[in-house]
Amino acid sequence: MYSALSVARYIIMYCNKHSKTISNLKLQKILYFVQAEFLVSKGYPCFGERIEAWDFGPVVPDVYYHYRVYGAASIPSSKDSQYCPFDNEDKEIADSIIDDCSSYSASELVEITHNQTPWKNAYRQSKGGLISNDSIRAFFEER
């Protein structure tokens, strides 16, 4: 299992390397979809940090607070442009999800997640309810 911050750092590096913009809002949704893919395809989570149901969809609070200084702007890569926490198989999974999600705007990803039961069932206005890995896995296994 990886840390959510290391996965986020990789997503940011990958997006910048491939000329894809990545805001904190979009980063949060990609983290959610990476977690979902790991839960379904590998049977365990990619990272252990909690995902919460916030007003604009799923959020990993630790990562959000780390990158919030960028606001709605695109997050630049760190100095190490070759950073990768993943082994080859996990990298392929992450890259595929990043590629799929990057074709959508942040607001489109918000709309997609707002129509999914893991967020809908966990959302409590202004409270940040927990989106459990079990609810994510159950929803995506049905698809």
Protein backbone atom coordinates (compact mmCIF):
# COMPACT_ATOMS: atom_id res chain seq x y z
CA MET A 1 0.00 0.00 0.00
CA TYR A 2 1.19 3.50 -0.82
CA SER A 3 0.69 6.83 0.93
CA ALA A 4 -1.96 9.07 -0.60
CA LEU A 5 0.58 11.91 -0.80
CA SER A 6 3.02 9.77 -2.79
CA VAL A 7 0.24 8.73 -5.18
CA ALA A 8 -0.84 12.38 -5.52
CA ARG A 9 2.73 13.43 -6.23
CA TYR A 10 2.94 10.81 -8.98
CA ILE A 11 -0.40 11.90 -10.51
CA ILE A 12 0.80 15.51 -10.59
CA MET A 13 4.12 14.53 -12.16
CA TYR A 14 2.40 12.33 -14.75
CA CYS A 15 -0.10 15.02 -15.72
CA ASN A 16 2.57 17.71 -16.05
CA LYS A 17 4.82 15.37 -18.05
CA HIS A 18 1.94 14.69 -20.48
CA SER A 19 0.79 18.34 -20.70
CA LYS A 20 -2.45 17.70 -18.78
CA THR A 21 -3.60 20.28 -16.27
CA ILE A 22 -4.16 19.07 -12.72
CA SER A 23 -5.88 21.20 -10.09
CA ASN A 24 -6.45 20.08 -6.52
CA LEU A 25 -10.11 19.44 -7.34
CA LYS A 26 -9.23 17.18 -10.27
CA LEU A 27 -6.47 15.50 -8.26
CA GLN A 28 -9.00 14.52 -5.59
CA LYS A 29 -11.27 12.82 -8.12
CA ILE A 30 -8.39 10.96 -9.76
CA LEU A 31 -7.26 9.69 -6.34
CA TYR A 32 -10.80 8.39 -5.75
CA PHE A 33 -10.86 6.56 -9.10
CA VAL A 34 -7.37 5.12 -8.57
CA GLN A 35 -8.52 3.83 -5.18
CA ALA A 36 -11.62 2.31 -6.80
CA GLU A 37 -9.58 0.52 -9.46
CA PHE A 38 -7.20 -0.94 -6.89
CA LEU A 39 -10.09 -2.12 -4.74
CA VAL A 40 -11.74 -3.89 -7.67
CA SER A 41 -8.77 -5.20 -9.66
CA LYS A 42 -6.33 -5.97 -6.83
CA GLY A 43 -8.70 -6.55 -3.90
CA TYR A 44 -7.02 -4.03 -1.63
CA PRO A 45 -6.70 -0.24 -1.40
CA CYS A 46 -3.99 1.78 -3.11
CA PHE A 47 -3.63 3.99 -0.03
CA GLY A 48 -4.84 3.90 3.56
CA GLU A 49 -5.89 7.50 4.10
CA ARG A 50 -9.60 8.21 4.39
CA ILE A 51 -11.74 9.55 1.57
CA GLU A 52 -14.50 11.93 2.63
CA ALA A 53 -17.66 13.14 0.88
CA TRP A 54 -17.24 16.91 0.55
CA ASP A 55 -19.42 19.39 -1.32
CA PHE A 56 -17.47 18.93 -4.55
CA GLY A 57 -17.15 15.16 -4.38
CA PRO A 58 -14.69 12.72 -2.83
CA VAL A 59 -11.66 14.24 -1.09
CA VAL A 60 -8.58 12.81 0.62
CA PRO A 61 -8.20 15.50 3.34
CA ASP A 62 -4.46 14.95 3.88
CA VAL A 63 -3.78 15.56 0.19
CA TYR A 64 -6.26 18.41 -0.11
CA TYR A 65 -4.63 20.38 2.71
CA HIS A 66 -1.16 19.70 1.33
CA TYR A 67 -2.03 21.20 -2.09
CA ARG A 68 -4.68 23.77 -1.17
CA VAL A 69 -2.15 26.59 -1.55
CA TYR A 70 -2.65 26.26 -5.33
CA GLY A 71 -6.38 26.99 -5.10
CA ALA A 72 -8.02 26.26 -8.46
CA ALA A 73 -4.73 26.69 -10.36
CA SER A 74 -2.78 23.87 -11.94
CA ILE A 75 -0.32 22.22 -9.56
CA PRO A 76 3.28 22.16 -10.81
CA SER A 77 5.50 19.08 -10.54
CA SER A 78 8.13 18.83 -7.87
CA LYS A 79 11.78 18.92 -8.88
CA ASP A 80 11.96 15.14 -9.35
CA SER A 81 10.18 14.66 -12.67
CA GLN A 82 10.86 10.90 -12.68
CA TYR A 83 9.14 10.16 -9.35
CA CYS A 84 7.19 6.89 -9.21
CA PRO A 85 6.20 5.05 -6.02
CA PHE A 86 4.60 2.16 -7.96
CA ASP A 87 5.83 -1.19 -9.15
CA ASN A 88 5.25 -1.82 -12.88
CA GLU A 89 1.80 -3.44 -12.55
CA ASP A 90 0.49 -0.75 -10.21
CA LYS A 91 1.96 1.98 -12.43
CA GLU A 92 -0.02 0.63 -15.40
CA ILE A 93 -3.22 0.75 -13.35
CA ALA A 94 -2.57 4.30 -12.17
CA ASP A 95 -1.52 5.53 -15.63
CA SER A 96 -4.67 4.10 -17.19
CA ILE A 97 -6.94 5.81 -14.65
CA ILE A 98 -5.07 9.12 -14.97
CA ASP A 99 -5.39 8.96 -18.77
CA ASP A 100 -9.10 8.15 -18.56
CA CYS A 101 -9.85 10.89 -16.02
CA SER A 102 -7.76 13.57 -17.68
CA SER A 103 -10.12 13.66 -20.65
CA TYR A 104 -12.75 15.15 -18.29
CA SER A 105 -12.78 18.58 -16.68
CA ALA A 106 -12.74 18.85 -12.91
CA SER A 107 -16.40 19.90 -12.91
CA GLU A 108 -17.35 16.89 -15.07
CA LEU A 109 -15.57 14.59 -12.61
CA VAL A 110 -17.45 16.25 -9.76
CA GLU A 111 -20.74 15.60 -11.55
CA ILE A 112 -19.80 11.97 -12.21
CA THR A 113 -18.94 11.33 -8.55
CA HIS A 114 -22.06 13.15 -7.34
CA ASN A 115 -24.12 10.57 -9.24
CA GLN A 116 -22.41 7.60 -7.60
CA THR A 117 -23.73 5.95 -4.45
CA PRO A 118 -20.46 6.00 -2.44
CA TRP A 119 -20.51 9.81 -2.39
CA LYS A 120 -24.31 10.15 -2.21
CA ASN A 121 -24.60 7.80 0.77
CA ALA A 122 -21.70 9.39 2.69
CA TYR A 123 -22.42 13.06 2.00
CA ARG A 124 -23.65 15.17 4.90
CA GLN A 125 -23.70 18.89 4.10
CA SER A 126 -20.59 20.59 5.53
CA LYS A 127 -19.57 17.49 7.53
CA GLY A 128 -17.31 15.32 5.35
CA GLY A 129 -18.74 11.84 5.88
CA LEU A 130 -16.45 8.87 5.34
CA ILE A 131 -16.65 7.13 1.96
CA SER A 132 -15.73 3.58 2.92
CA ASN A 133 -13.60 1.31 0.78
CA ASP A 134 -16.38 -1.28 1.00
CA SER A 135 -18.89 1.14 -0.54
CA ILE A 136 -16.45 2.07 -3.31
CA ARG A 137 -15.67 -1.57 -4.07
CA ALA A 138 -19.34 -2.59 -4.06
CA PHE A 139 -20.32 0.23 -6.42
CA PHE A 140 -17.55 -0.36 -8.94
CA GLU A 141 -17.86 -4.16 -8.90
CA GLU A 142 -21.44 -3.76 -10.09
CA ARG A 143 -20.30 -1.80 -13.15
